[in-house]
Amino acid sequence: MKNSRKIITDILEELNVNSFIEMQKDYVGVPVDELLYSMITKHHKVNLSKKLSDFYHSMSGCRIEWSCDLNKYQNIKKYNADDTIITGEIYIKPVEEMLDFEKKLEADWWIKNLSEEERNDLHNFRSFDFNDDYTRVGFIIEDNALHDNKMVFITQESSGFSPTGLSFDQYLEKIFQYKGFQGWQYNYFFQNTNNYKRMMFYLDQLF
């Protein structure tokens, strides 16, 4: 398994050399030093598993955004005739942002179908990254700790959390595999959808 920073920099390198891709953002954060990391985790009163801790000691998150103008490259076949552009985003939150509760999750379209227990879980949920407005993937605080082997996801208007079926290492590998294609998380978790087929149709041509 490559180290975390290597996975992200390899994605960035692959995107940068791809003639179909235009980059909008290409930021990969510097490692978090131990003093700052300790201050942040003590402030939030949450311990991170060794794997998550190692991740943030290797990089303080990243912000990568890319696009492909389908009308500019006529040799790329379109899945839908009205497709004009495809995009991707890899926004891994800095540790201080990841440990903050995301207030957006209190909106009605996130909580209206949740039981009281699930609403409590929601307030203990910490999303690791961001790709679209419909799906969140991350960890639920248990005994003042985040465990890398318990990644869960939730979608808007769902009735609660579901296990991802992925370890933290495997999740990073999926980010690499799908290059942050917009909506990749939902598409991966629900592979019987037309959206998943569309994503793979374009990824197969681009990469």
Protein backbone atom coordinates (compact mmCIF):
# COMPACT_ATOMS: atom_id res chain seq x y z
CA MET A 1 0.00 0.00 0.00
CA LYS A 2 1.38 3.41 -0.96
CA ASN A 3 1.49 6.03 1.75
CA SER A 4 -1.41 8.46 1.76
CA ARG A 5 0.45 11.41 0.32
CA LYS A 6 1.81 9.27 -2.52
CA ILE A 7 -1.72 8.19 -3.49
CA ILE A 8 -2.89 11.80 -3.77
CA THR A 9 0.21 13.08 -5.58
CA ASP A 10 -0.03 10.17 -8.04
CA ILE A 11 -3.64 11.17 -8.82
CA LEU A 12 -2.53 14.75 -9.36
CA GLU A 13 0.31 13.68 -11.64
CA GLU A 14 -2.03 11.48 -13.68
CA LEU A 15 -4.51 14.33 -14.08
CA ASN A 16 -1.81 16.85 -15.00
CA VAL A 17 -0.43 14.77 -17.88
CA ASN A 18 -3.87 13.91 -19.28
CA SER A 19 -4.47 15.98 -22.42
CA PHE A 20 -8.26 15.81 -21.98
CA ILE A 21 -8.17 17.29 -18.48
CA GLU A 22 -8.12 20.93 -17.42
CA MET A 23 -7.11 21.58 -13.83
CA GLN A 24 -8.91 24.17 -11.73
CA LYS A 25 -7.27 23.39 -8.36
CA ASP A 26 -4.21 21.29 -7.51
CA TYR A 27 -3.50 21.91 -3.83
CA VAL A 28 -1.99 19.15 -1.68
CA GLY A 29 -1.39 20.27 1.89
CA VAL A 30 1.85 20.04 3.79
CA PRO A 31 2.20 17.54 6.66
CA VAL A 32 0.69 18.60 10.00
CA ASP A 33 3.37 18.94 12.68
CA GLU A 34 2.88 17.14 15.96
CA LEU A 35 2.34 20.25 18.09
CA LEU A 36 -0.46 21.60 15.87
CA TYR A 37 -2.03 18.14 15.51
CA SER A 38 -2.02 17.69 19.28
CA MET A 39 -3.59 21.12 19.86
CA ILE A 40 -6.37 20.41 17.35
CA THR A 41 -7.29 16.96 18.68
CA LYS A 42 -7.18 18.12 22.31
CA HIS A 43 -9.41 21.09 21.47
CA HIS A 44 -12.01 18.77 19.94
CA LYS A 45 -11.46 16.11 22.64
CA VAL A 46 -11.31 13.39 20.00
CA ASN A 47 -8.57 10.83 19.40
CA LEU A 48 -7.88 9.56 15.89
CA SER A 49 -6.83 6.00 15.15
CA LYS A 50 -3.18 5.51 14.26
CA LYS A 51 -3.98 5.21 10.56
CA LEU A 52 -5.96 8.46 10.54
CA SER A 53 -3.29 10.15 12.62
CA ASP A 54 -0.59 8.98 10.20
CA PHE A 55 -2.65 10.30 7.32
CA TYR A 56 -2.84 13.81 8.72
CA HIS A 57 0.82 13.73 9.67
CA SER A 58 1.55 13.08 5.98
CA MET A 59 -0.68 15.85 4.58
CA SER A 60 -3.16 18.44 5.81
CA GLY A 61 -5.83 17.58 3.29
CA CYS A 62 -6.09 18.50 -0.39
CA ARG A 63 -8.24 20.34 -2.91
CA ILE A 64 -8.12 19.00 -6.46
CA GLU A 65 -10.66 20.00 -9.10
CA TRP A 66 -10.65 19.06 -12.77
CA SER A 67 -12.93 19.18 -15.80
CA CYS A 68 -13.17 17.88 -19.34
CA ASP A 69 -15.01 19.84 -22.05
CA LEU A 70 -16.67 17.13 -24.14
CA ASN A 71 -17.46 19.53 -26.98
CA LYS A 72 -13.78 20.36 -27.28
CA TYR A 73 -12.73 16.73 -27.71
CA GLN A 74 -14.90 15.19 -30.40
CA ASN A 75 -13.15 11.81 -30.11
CA ILE A 76 -14.66 11.28 -26.65
CA LYS A 77 -18.00 9.53 -27.08
CA LYS A 78 -20.91 10.95 -25.11
CA TYR A 79 -23.01 8.81 -22.80
CA ASN A 80 -25.92 11.24 -23.14
CA ALA A 81 -26.28 13.46 -26.19
CA ASP A 82 -26.68 16.55 -24.01
CA ASP A 83 -23.53 15.93 -21.91
CA THR A 84 -21.21 18.92 -22.33
CA ILE A 85 -18.72 18.72 -19.48
CA ILE A 86 -17.60 16.23 -16.86
CA THR A 87 -15.90 17.22 -13.65
CA GLY A 88 -14.12 15.78 -10.65
CA GLU A 89 -13.28 16.95 -7.15
CA ILE A 90 -11.10 15.54 -4.40
CA TYR A 91 -11.53 17.67 -1.32
CA ILE A 92 -10.10 15.95 1.72
CA LYS A 93 -10.77 18.15 4.70
CA PRO A 94 -7.95 19.41 6.93
CA VAL A 95 -8.08 17.74 10.34
CA GLU A 96 -9.43 20.84 12.08
CA GLU A 97 -12.32 21.05 9.58
CA MET A 98 -12.96 17.32 9.58
CA LEU A 99 -13.36 17.33 13.37
CA ASP A 100 -16.00 20.08 13.26
CA PHE A 101 -19.62 19.00 12.94
CA GLU A 102 -20.95 20.01 9.52
CA LYS A 103 -23.93 22.26 10.27
CA LYS A 104 -25.37 21.66 6.78
CA LEU A 105 -26.35 18.19 7.97
CA GLU A 106 -29.06 19.72 10.15
CA ALA A 107 -31.04 20.66 7.03
CA ASP A 108 -34.41 18.96 6.63
CA TRP A 109 -33.38 16.86 3.61
CA TRP A 110 -30.70 15.18 5.73
CA ILE A 111 -32.63 14.57 8.96
CA LYS A 112 -36.32 14.20 8.10
CA ASN A 113 -36.23 10.39 7.79
CA LEU A 114 -33.89 9.74 10.72
CA SER A 115 -34.90 8.14 14.00
CA GLU A 116 -33.90 9.83 17.26
CA GLU A 117 -30.96 7.44 17.58
CA GLU A 118 -29.80 8.18 14.05
CA ARG A 119 -30.05 11.92 14.71
CA ASN A 120 -27.74 11.46 17.69
CA ASP A 121 -25.34 9.55 15.45
CA LEU A 122 -25.56 12.36 12.90
CA HIS A 123 -24.27 14.90 15.42
CA ASN A 124 -21.36 12.57 16.21
CA PHE A 125 -20.63 12.05 12.51
CA ARG A 126 -17.51 13.59 11.00
CA SER A 127 -17.20 13.59 7.21
CA PHE A 128 -13.73 12.90 5.86
CA ASP A 129 -14.01 14.48 2.43
CA PHE A 130 -16.41 16.25 0.10
CA ASN A 131 -17.41 15.37 -3.45
CA ASP A 132 -21.04 16.41 -3.92
CA ASP A 133 -24.03 17.68 -1.93
CA TYR A 134 -25.86 14.35 -1.85
CA THR A 135 -23.52 11.91 -0.07
CA ARG A 136 -21.26 12.11 2.99
CA VAL A 137 -18.62 9.54 3.96
CA GLY A 138 -16.76 9.51 7.25
CA PHE A 139 -16.72 8.29 10.84
CA ILE A 140 -18.96 8.39 13.91
CA ILE A 141 -17.30 9.42 17.17
CA GLU A 142 -17.39 6.52 19.64
CA ASP A 143 -15.88 6.87 23.12
CA ASN A 144 -14.23 10.14 22.07
CA ALA A 145 -12.43 8.46 19.18
CA LEU A 146 -12.60 7.99 15.41
CA HIS A 147 -11.84 4.49 14.16
CA ASP A 148 -10.56 4.04 10.60
CA ASN A 149 -12.12 0.57 10.27
CA LYS A 150 -15.65 1.95 10.75
CA MET A 151 -16.27 4.14 7.71
CA VAL A 152 -19.95 4.88 7.11
CA PHE A 153 -21.97 6.90 4.63
CA ILE A 154 -25.28 8.70 4.55
CA THR A 155 -27.28 10.19 1.68
CA GLN A 156 -29.92 12.89 1.62
CA GLU A 157 -33.42 11.66 2.55
CA SER A 158 -32.07 8.28 3.69
CA SER A 159 -33.16 6.65 6.95
CA GLY A 160 -29.67 6.47 8.45
CA PHE A 161 -26.07 5.43 8.09
CA SER A 162 -24.74 2.45 6.16
CA PRO A 163 -21.31 0.82 6.39
CA THR A 164 -19.12 1.53 3.39
CA GLY A 165 -17.69 -1.98 3.38
CA LEU A 166 -14.29 -0.33 2.91
CA SER A 167 -11.28 0.08 5.14
CA PHE A 168 -9.67 3.51 5.21
CA ASP A 169 -6.89 2.27 2.90
CA GLN A 170 -9.46 0.86 0.48
CA TYR A 171 -11.37 4.15 0.52
CA LEU A 172 -8.23 6.04 -0.51
CA GLU A 173 -7.74 3.49 -3.30
CA LYS A 174 -11.29 4.18 -4.53
CA ILE A 175 -10.52 7.91 -4.63
CA PHE A 176 -7.53 7.01 -6.82
CA GLN A 177 -9.58 4.62 -8.98
CA TYR A 178 -12.38 7.09 -9.68
CA LYS A 179 -10.17 10.23 -9.71
CA GLY A 180 -12.78 12.15 -7.74
CA PHE A 181 -15.33 11.93 -10.57
CA GLN A 182 -18.28 14.07 -9.49
CA GLY A 183 -20.74 11.87 -7.62
CA TRP A 184 -18.36 8.89 -7.44
CA GLN A 185 -19.27 8.03 -3.85
CA TYR A 186 -22.97 7.60 -4.50
CA ASN A 187 -22.22 5.86 -7.80
CA TYR A 188 -19.90 3.37 -6.09
CA PHE A 189 -22.35 2.56 -3.30
CA PHE A 190 -25.23 2.15 -5.77
CA GLN A 191 -23.63 0.49 -8.79
CA ASN A 192 -26.92 -0.60 -10.34
CA THR A 193 -27.68 3.02 -11.27
CA ASN A 194 -27.38 4.71 -14.62
CA ASN A 195 -25.05 7.23 -12.95
CA TYR A 196 -22.51 4.51 -12.21
CA LYS A 197 -22.60 3.29 -15.81
CA ARG A 198 -22.13 6.86 -17.05
CA MET A 199 -19.17 7.42 -14.74
CA MET A 200 -17.39 4.25 -15.88
CA PHE A 201 -18.17 5.07 -19.51
CA TYR A 202 -16.21 8.33 -19.24
CA LEU A 203 -13.45 7.08 -16.93
CA ASP A 204 -12.69 4.25 -19.34
CA GLN A 205 -12.16 6.78 -22.13
CA LEU A 206 -10.22 9.34 -20.12
CA PHE A 207 -7.91 6.98 -18.24
